[in-house]
Amino acid sequence: MKQLPQASTVKNPPEQFTGDVWVDPIAAPQEPGQRMVAARVRFAPGARTAWHSHANGQTLHITDGVALIGTRDGGVIRATPGQTIYTPPGEEHWHGATPDRFMEHLALLENADAPATTTTWREHVADDDYARAHTTEG
């Protein structure tokens, strides 16, 4: 058993996010064959990811604020603290905060065989699509 050093907070890159988003790593593989990755992710009001998918899916557990999770077919899930959302492998989606408050979630996923292919990033979410998402009841 070992206590892991606390990782520094990192601001996520603008190529993959709109607005200010910070990540605090929680868990990463420690031994060969392990794949689990976990992080606390905080979104400033109006911030969101670009469209993306995960090779092995992703689980989001909302801890603060209201999360918006959008799908390519225009569907939007609004999730509040204590709720958990699962996105299956390969499903393109985005997630972020509402325009008026911060949002925080735990992001849980498993690395792909080649960790660099765990997440496939696409284009930014259009402002019109985001505007529709946060005005849609869901």
N, C-alpha and C. Protein backbone atom coordinates (compact mmCIF):
# COMPACT_ATOMS: atom_id res chain seq x y z
N MET A 1 0.86 -1.17 0.00
CA MET A 1 0.00 0.00 0.00
C MET A 1 0.90 1.23 0.00
N LYS A 2 0.42 2.28 -0.68
CA LYS A 2 1.18 3.53 -0.67
C LYS A 2 0.23 4.71 -0.79
N GLN A 3 0.61 5.81 -0.17
CA GLN A 3 -0.15 7.05 -0.31
C GLN A 3 0.40 7.78 -1.52
N LEU A 4 -0.48 8.15 -2.42
CA LEU A 4 -0.06 8.83 -3.64
C LEU A 4 0.07 10.32 -3.41
N PRO A 5 1.03 10.95 -4.06
CA PRO A 5 1.15 12.41 -3.92
C PRO A 5 -0.06 13.10 -4.54
N GLN A 6 -0.44 14.23 -3.97
CA GLN A 6 -1.57 14.98 -4.49
C GLN A 6 -1.14 15.68 -5.78
N ALA A 7 -1.89 15.45 -6.84
CA ALA A 7 -1.57 16.07 -8.13
C ALA A 7 -2.04 17.51 -8.15
N SER A 8 -1.37 18.32 -8.93
CA SER A 8 -1.74 19.72 -9.06
C SER A 8 -2.98 19.88 -9.94
N THR A 9 -3.75 20.94 -9.67
CA THR A 9 -4.88 21.29 -10.52
C THR A 9 -4.33 21.77 -11.86
N VAL A 10 -4.98 21.33 -12.94
CA VAL A 10 -4.56 21.70 -14.28
C VAL A 10 -5.73 22.36 -15.00
N LYS A 11 -5.47 23.45 -15.71
CA LYS A 11 -6.51 24.06 -16.53
C LYS A 11 -6.54 23.34 -17.87
N ASN A 12 -7.74 22.92 -18.29
CA ASN A 12 -7.85 22.17 -19.53
C ASN A 12 -7.63 23.06 -20.75
N PRO A 13 -7.15 22.48 -21.86
CA PRO A 13 -6.76 23.28 -23.03
C PRO A 13 -7.94 23.81 -23.84
N PRO A 14 -7.79 25.01 -24.40
CA PRO A 14 -8.88 25.62 -25.18
C PRO A 14 -9.19 24.86 -26.47
N GLU A 15 -8.29 24.01 -26.93
CA GLU A 15 -8.58 23.20 -28.12
C GLU A 15 -9.69 22.19 -27.85
N GLN A 16 -9.89 21.83 -26.59
CA GLN A 16 -10.87 20.80 -26.23
C GLN A 16 -12.00 21.32 -25.36
N PHE A 17 -11.93 22.59 -24.94
CA PHE A 17 -12.93 23.14 -24.03
C PHE A 17 -13.25 24.58 -24.41
N THR A 18 -14.50 24.98 -24.19
CA THR A 18 -14.91 26.37 -24.32
C THR A 18 -15.07 26.90 -22.90
N GLY A 19 -14.44 28.01 -22.58
CA GLY A 19 -14.50 28.54 -21.23
C GLY A 19 -13.45 27.92 -20.33
N ASP A 20 -13.52 28.26 -19.06
CA ASP A 20 -12.52 27.81 -18.09
C ASP A 20 -12.95 26.51 -17.42
N VAL A 21 -12.09 25.50 -17.51
CA VAL A 21 -12.35 24.18 -16.95
C VAL A 21 -11.07 23.70 -16.28
N TRP A 22 -11.18 23.24 -15.03
CA TRP A 22 -10.02 22.76 -14.29
C TRP A 22 -10.21 21.30 -13.91
N VAL A 23 -9.12 20.56 -13.88
CA VAL A 23 -9.18 19.14 -13.52
C VAL A 23 -8.20 18.86 -12.39
N ASP A 24 -8.67 18.07 -11.42
CA ASP A 24 -7.84 17.55 -10.35
C ASP A 24 -7.80 16.04 -10.51
N PRO A 25 -6.67 15.47 -10.94
CA PRO A 25 -6.59 14.02 -11.07
C PRO A 25 -6.79 13.34 -9.71
N ILE A 26 -7.54 12.24 -9.72
CA ILE A 26 -7.77 11.48 -8.50
C ILE A 26 -7.07 10.13 -8.56
N ALA A 27 -7.26 9.42 -9.67
CA ALA A 27 -6.68 8.08 -9.80
C ALA A 27 -6.23 7.84 -11.22
N ALA A 28 -5.13 7.11 -11.34
CA ALA A 28 -4.58 6.69 -12.62
C ALA A 28 -3.97 5.30 -12.42
N PRO A 29 -3.76 4.55 -13.50
CA PRO A 29 -3.18 3.22 -13.34
C PRO A 29 -1.86 3.25 -12.58
N GLN A 30 -1.72 2.32 -11.65
CA GLN A 30 -0.51 2.21 -10.83
C GLN A 30 0.29 0.95 -11.14
N GLU A 31 -0.38 -0.03 -11.72
CA GLU A 31 0.24 -1.33 -12.00
C GLU A 31 -0.07 -1.74 -13.44
N PRO A 32 0.75 -2.59 -14.04
CA PRO A 32 0.45 -3.08 -15.39
C PRO A 32 -0.94 -3.73 -15.43
N GLY A 33 -1.65 -3.46 -16.50
CA GLY A 33 -2.98 -4.04 -16.68
C GLY A 33 -4.11 -3.20 -16.10
N GLN A 34 -3.80 -2.22 -15.27
CA GLN A 34 -4.84 -1.36 -14.72
C GLN A 34 -5.23 -0.30 -15.74
N ARG A 35 -6.50 0.12 -15.73
CA ARG A 35 -7.00 1.08 -16.71
C ARG A 35 -7.78 2.25 -16.11
N MET A 36 -8.17 2.16 -14.85
CA MET A 36 -9.07 3.15 -14.26
C MET A 36 -8.43 4.53 -14.16
N VAL A 37 -9.23 5.55 -14.58
CA VAL A 37 -8.84 6.95 -14.46
C VAL A 37 -10.02 7.68 -13.82
N ALA A 38 -9.73 8.52 -12.84
CA ALA A 38 -10.78 9.31 -12.19
C ALA A 38 -10.25 10.72 -11.96
N ALA A 39 -11.14 11.70 -12.12
CA ALA A 39 -10.75 13.09 -11.91
C ALA A 39 -11.95 13.90 -11.44
N ARG A 40 -11.66 14.95 -10.69
CA ARG A 40 -12.67 15.96 -10.34
C ARG A 40 -12.52 17.07 -11.36
N VAL A 41 -13.62 17.43 -12.04
CA VAL A 41 -13.57 18.43 -13.09
C VAL A 41 -14.53 19.56 -12.73
N ARG A 42 -14.02 20.80 -12.77
CA ARG A 42 -14.82 21.97 -12.42
C ARG A 42 -14.95 22.90 -13.63
N PHE A 43 -16.20 23.25 -13.95
CA PHE A 43 -16.52 24.09 -15.09
C PHE A 43 -17.02 25.45 -14.60
N ALA A 44 -16.45 26.53 -15.12
CA ALA A 44 -16.96 27.86 -14.84
C ALA A 44 -18.30 28.02 -15.54
N PRO A 45 -19.14 28.98 -15.12
CA PRO A 45 -20.42 29.18 -15.81
C PRO A 45 -20.22 29.31 -17.33
N GLY A 46 -21.01 28.56 -18.08
CA GLY A 46 -20.95 28.59 -19.53
C GLY A 46 -19.87 27.72 -20.15
N ALA A 47 -18.98 27.16 -19.35
CA ALA A 47 -17.90 26.33 -19.89
C ALA A 47 -18.42 24.94 -20.27
N ARG A 48 -17.77 24.35 -21.26
CA ARG A 48 -18.18 23.03 -21.75
C ARG A 48 -17.04 22.38 -22.50
N THR A 49 -17.15 21.06 -22.66
CA THR A 49 -16.19 20.32 -23.46
C THR A 49 -16.51 20.53 -24.94
N ALA A 50 -15.58 20.15 -25.78
CA ALA A 50 -15.87 19.99 -27.20
C ALA A 50 -16.57 18.63 -27.36
N TRP A 51 -17.10 18.37 -28.53
CA TRP A 51 -17.65 17.04 -28.82
C TRP A 51 -16.52 16.02 -28.66
N HIS A 52 -16.84 14.88 -28.07
CA HIS A 52 -15.83 13.84 -27.90
C HIS A 52 -16.51 12.50 -27.62
N SER A 53 -15.71 11.44 -27.68
CA SER A 53 -16.19 10.11 -27.31
C SER A 53 -15.06 9.39 -26.57
N HIS A 54 -15.42 8.30 -25.92
CA HIS A 54 -14.44 7.52 -25.15
C HIS A 54 -14.46 6.08 -25.61
N ALA A 55 -13.29 5.51 -25.79
CA ALA A 55 -13.17 4.15 -26.30
C ALA A 55 -13.90 3.13 -25.42
N ASN A 56 -13.86 3.33 -24.11
CA ASN A 56 -14.49 2.39 -23.18
C ASN A 56 -15.63 3.01 -22.38
N GLY A 57 -16.21 4.09 -22.89
CA GLY A 57 -17.31 4.75 -22.19
C GLY A 57 -16.81 5.65 -21.08
N GLN A 58 -17.78 6.35 -20.45
CA GLN A 58 -17.45 7.27 -19.37
C GLN A 58 -18.63 7.39 -18.42
N THR A 59 -18.33 7.50 -17.14
CA THR A 59 -19.33 7.76 -16.12
C THR A 59 -19.05 9.13 -15.51
N LEU A 60 -20.09 9.95 -15.40
CA LEU A 60 -19.99 11.26 -14.78
C LEU A 60 -20.88 11.27 -13.54
N HIS A 61 -20.34 11.65 -12.41
CA HIS A 61 -21.11 11.77 -11.17
C HIS A 61 -21.09 13.25 -10.78
N ILE A 62 -22.26 13.89 -10.81
CA ILE A 62 -22.37 15.31 -10.56
C ILE A 62 -22.27 15.58 -9.06
N THR A 63 -21.40 16.53 -8.68
CA THR A 63 -21.21 16.85 -7.26
C THR A 63 -21.64 18.27 -6.91
N ASP A 64 -21.76 19.17 -7.92
CA ASP A 64 -22.18 20.54 -7.63
C ASP A 64 -22.73 21.17 -8.90
N GLY A 65 -23.71 22.03 -8.77
CA GLY A 65 -24.27 22.75 -9.91
C GLY A 65 -25.21 21.89 -10.73
N VAL A 66 -25.46 22.35 -11.95
CA VAL A 66 -26.31 21.61 -12.89
C VAL A 66 -25.47 21.30 -14.12
N ALA A 67 -25.35 20.01 -14.43
CA ALA A 67 -24.59 19.59 -15.60
C ALA A 67 -25.52 19.49 -16.79
N LEU A 68 -25.01 19.89 -17.94
CA LEU A 68 -25.69 19.68 -19.22
C LEU A 68 -24.86 18.66 -19.98
N ILE A 69 -25.49 17.58 -20.44
CA ILE A 69 -24.80 16.56 -21.22
C ILE A 69 -25.58 16.41 -22.52
N GLY A 70 -24.92 16.72 -23.65
CA GLY A 70 -25.60 16.72 -24.93
C GLY A 70 -25.13 15.59 -25.83
N THR A 71 -26.06 15.11 -26.68
CA THR A 71 -25.75 14.05 -27.64
C THR A 71 -25.94 14.56 -29.06
N ARG A 72 -25.37 13.86 -30.02
CA ARG A 72 -25.41 14.28 -31.42
C ARG A 72 -26.83 14.39 -31.97
N ASP A 73 -27.77 13.63 -31.42
CA ASP A 73 -29.15 13.70 -31.92
C ASP A 73 -29.92 14.89 -31.34
N GLY A 74 -29.23 15.74 -30.58
CA GLY A 74 -29.87 16.93 -30.00
C GLY A 74 -30.42 16.71 -28.61
N GLY A 75 -30.32 15.50 -28.10
CA GLY A 75 -30.79 15.22 -26.74
C GLY A 75 -29.91 15.91 -25.70
N VAL A 76 -30.53 16.31 -24.60
CA VAL A 76 -29.79 16.94 -23.51
C VAL A 76 -30.29 16.37 -22.19
N ILE A 77 -29.36 15.99 -21.35
CA ILE A 77 -29.69 15.56 -19.99
C ILE A 77 -29.22 16.66 -19.05
N ARG A 78 -30.09 17.08 -18.14
CA ARG A 78 -29.73 18.00 -17.06
C ARG A 78 -29.58 17.15 -15.81
N ALA A 79 -28.41 17.20 -15.20
CA ALA A 79 -28.14 16.37 -14.03
C ALA A 79 -27.71 17.26 -12.87
N THR A 80 -28.16 16.90 -11.68
CA THR A 80 -27.88 17.67 -10.47
C THR A 80 -27.07 16.83 -9.48
N PRO A 81 -26.55 17.45 -8.42
CA PRO A 81 -25.70 16.73 -7.49
C PRO A 81 -26.32 15.41 -7.02
N GLY A 82 -25.48 14.38 -7.05
CA GLY A 82 -25.90 13.04 -6.65
C GLY A 82 -26.32 12.18 -7.83
N GLN A 83 -26.57 12.78 -8.98
CA GLN A 83 -26.97 12.00 -10.15
C GLN A 83 -25.74 11.54 -10.92
N THR A 84 -25.88 10.38 -11.58
CA THR A 84 -24.79 9.78 -12.33
C THR A 84 -25.26 9.51 -13.75
N ILE A 85 -24.42 9.86 -14.72
CA ILE A 85 -24.73 9.68 -16.13
C ILE A 85 -23.68 8.76 -16.73
N TYR A 86 -24.12 7.79 -17.54
CA TYR A 86 -23.20 6.89 -18.23
C TYR A 86 -23.29 7.14 -19.73
N THR A 87 -22.15 7.29 -20.37
CA THR A 87 -22.06 7.42 -21.82
C THR A 87 -21.36 6.17 -22.36
N PRO A 88 -21.99 5.40 -23.25
CA PRO A 88 -21.38 4.17 -23.74
C PRO A 88 -20.18 4.41 -24.65
N PRO A 89 -19.37 3.39 -24.88
CA PRO A 89 -18.21 3.51 -25.75
C PRO A 89 -18.60 4.06 -27.12
N GLY A 90 -17.80 5.02 -27.59
CA GLY A 90 -17.97 5.55 -28.93
C GLY A 90 -19.05 6.59 -29.11
N GLU A 91 -19.92 6.83 -28.11
CA GLU A 91 -20.99 7.81 -28.27
C GLU A 91 -20.43 9.23 -28.16
N GLU A 92 -20.62 10.01 -29.23
CA GLU A 92 -20.16 11.40 -29.20
C GLU A 92 -21.09 12.23 -28.33
N HIS A 93 -20.50 13.04 -27.47
CA HIS A 93 -21.27 13.83 -26.51
C HIS A 93 -20.43 15.03 -26.07
N TRP A 94 -21.04 15.90 -25.29
CA TRP A 94 -20.33 16.99 -24.63
C TRP A 94 -20.96 17.17 -23.25
N HIS A 95 -20.26 17.83 -22.35
CA HIS A 95 -20.82 18.15 -21.04
C HIS A 95 -20.25 19.46 -20.55
N GLY A 96 -21.07 20.15 -19.75
CA GLY A 96 -20.63 21.44 -19.24
C GLY A 96 -21.60 22.03 -18.24
N ALA A 97 -21.34 23.28 -17.90
CA ALA A 97 -22.11 24.01 -16.90
C ALA A 97 -23.20 24.85 -17.56
N THR A 98 -24.20 25.22 -16.78
CA THR A 98 -25.19 26.17 -17.24
C THR A 98 -24.53 27.56 -17.27
N PRO A 99 -25.15 28.54 -17.92
CA PRO A 99 -24.52 29.86 -18.05
C PRO A 99 -24.39 30.63 -16.74
N ASP A 100 -25.16 30.23 -15.70
CA ASP A 100 -25.22 31.08 -14.51
C ASP A 100 -24.56 30.51 -13.26
N ARG A 101 -23.94 29.33 -13.35
CA ARG A 101 -23.26 28.83 -12.16
C ARG A 101 -22.22 27.77 -12.48
N PHE A 102 -21.30 27.59 -11.56
CA PHE A 102 -20.28 26.57 -11.70
C PHE A 102 -20.91 25.18 -11.66
N MET A 103 -20.20 24.21 -12.23
CA MET A 103 -20.62 22.80 -12.16
C MET A 103 -19.37 21.97 -11.93
N GLU A 104 -19.54 20.94 -11.12
CA GLU A 104 -18.44 20.03 -10.83
C GLU A 104 -18.93 18.60 -10.97
N HIS A 105 -18.09 17.76 -11.57
CA HIS A 105 -18.41 16.32 -11.62
C HIS A 105 -17.15 15.50 -11.43
N LEU A 106 -17.36 14.26 -11.06
CA LEU A 106 -16.29 13.27 -11.07
C LEU A 106 -16.38 12.56 -12.41
N ALA A 107 -15.27 12.47 -13.12
CA ALA A 107 -15.21 11.78 -14.40
C ALA A 107 -14.48 10.46 -14.18
N LEU A 108 -15.14 9.37 -14.54
CA LEU A 108 -14.60 8.03 -14.33
C LEU A 108 -14.59 7.29 -15.66
N LEU A 109 -13.43 6.73 -16.01
CA LEU A 109 -13.34 5.99 -17.26
C LEU A 109 -12.17 5.03 -17.20
N GLU A 110 -12.11 4.16 -18.21
CA GLU A 110 -11.00 3.23 -18.34
C GLU A 110 -10.21 3.60 -19.58
N ASN A 111 -8.87 3.58 -19.45
CA ASN A 111 -8.03 3.83 -20.60
C ASN A 111 -8.24 2.76 -21.67
N ALA A 112 -7.99 3.13 -22.91
CA ALA A 112 -7.98 2.18 -24.02
C ALA A 112 -6.65 1.42 -23.98
N ASP A 113 -6.51 0.41 -24.83
CA ASP A 113 -5.24 -0.33 -24.89
C ASP A 113 -4.07 0.62 -25.11
N ALA A 114 -4.27 1.60 -26.00
CA ALA A 114 -3.29 2.68 -26.18
C ALA A 114 -3.89 3.91 -25.50
N PRO A 115 -3.39 4.30 -24.33
CA PRO A 115 -4.01 5.39 -23.58
C PRO A 115 -4.28 6.66 -24.38
N ALA A 116 -3.47 6.95 -25.38
CA ALA A 116 -3.68 8.16 -26.18
C ALA A 116 -4.98 8.09 -26.99
N THR A 117 -5.56 6.90 -27.14
CA THR A 117 -6.81 6.75 -27.90
C THR A 117 -8.02 6.62 -26.99
N THR A 118 -7.86 6.85 -25.70
CA THR A 118 -8.96 6.75 -24.74
C THR A 118 -10.09 7.72 -25.07
N THR A 119 -9.73 8.96 -25.41
CA THR A 119 -10.71 10.00 -25.75
C THR A 119 -10.41 10.50 -27.15
N THR A 120 -11.45 10.55 -27.98
CA THR A 120 -11.34 11.11 -29.32
C THR A 120 -12.03 12.46 -29.31
N TRP A 121 -11.26 13.53 -29.53
CA TRP A 121 -11.80 14.89 -29.50
C TRP A 121 -12.25 15.31 -30.89
N ARG A 122 -13.35 16.03 -30.94
CA ARG A 122 -13.93 16.55 -32.18
C ARG A 122 -14.02 18.08 -32.09
N GLU A 123 -14.92 18.66 -32.87
CA GLU A 123 -15.06 20.12 -32.93
C GLU A 123 -15.74 20.66 -31.67
N HIS A 124 -15.63 21.98 -31.50
CA HIS A 124 -16.30 22.64 -30.39
C HIS A 124 -17.82 22.61 -30.60
N VAL A 125 -18.56 22.64 -29.50
CA VAL A 125 -20.02 22.71 -29.55
C VAL A 125 -20.39 24.12 -30.01
N ALA A 126 -21.24 24.20 -31.01
CA ALA A 126 -21.67 25.50 -31.53
C ALA A 126 -22.43 26.27 -30.45
N ASP A 127 -22.25 27.58 -30.43
CA ASP A 127 -22.94 28.42 -29.44
C ASP A 127 -24.46 28.24 -29.52
N ASP A 128 -25.01 28.10 -30.72
CA ASP A 128 -26.46 27.90 -30.87
C ASP A 128 -26.91 26.59 -30.22
N ASP A 129 -26.11 25.53 -30.40
CA ASP A 129 -26.46 24.23 -29.79
C ASP A 129 -26.40 24.32 -28.27
N TYR A 130 -25.39 25.02 -27.76
CA TYR A 130 -25.29 25.20 -26.31
C TYR A 130 -26.47 26.02 -25.80
N ALA A 131 -26.83 27.09 -26.50
CA ALA A 131 -27.96 27.92 -26.08
C ALA A 131 -29.25 27.11 -26.03
N ARG A 132 -29.48 26.24 -27.01
CA ARG A 132 -30.66 25.38 -27.00
C ARG A 132 -30.61 24.41 -25.82
N ALA A 133 -29.44 23.89 -25.52
CA ALA A 133 -29.29 22.90 -24.45
C ALA A 133 -29.65 23.48 -23.09
N HIS A 134 -29.22 24.70 -22.81
CA HIS A 134 -29.48 25.22 -21.46
C HIS A 134 -30.85 25.86 -21.33
N THR A 135 -31.59 25.97 -22.42
CA THR A 135 -32.97 26.47 -22.33
C THR A 135 -33.98 25.34 -22.47
N THR A 136 -33.49 24.11 -22.70
CA THR A 136 -34.34 22.95 -22.85
C THR A 136 -34.58 22.31 -21.49
N GLU A 137 -35.82 22.02 -21.17
CA GLU A 137 -36.11 21.29 -19.93
C GLU A 137 -35.85 19.81 -20.20
N GLY A 138 -35.20 19.14 -19.26
CA GLY A 138 -34.93 17.73 -19.48
C GLY A 138 -34.70 17.00 -18.22
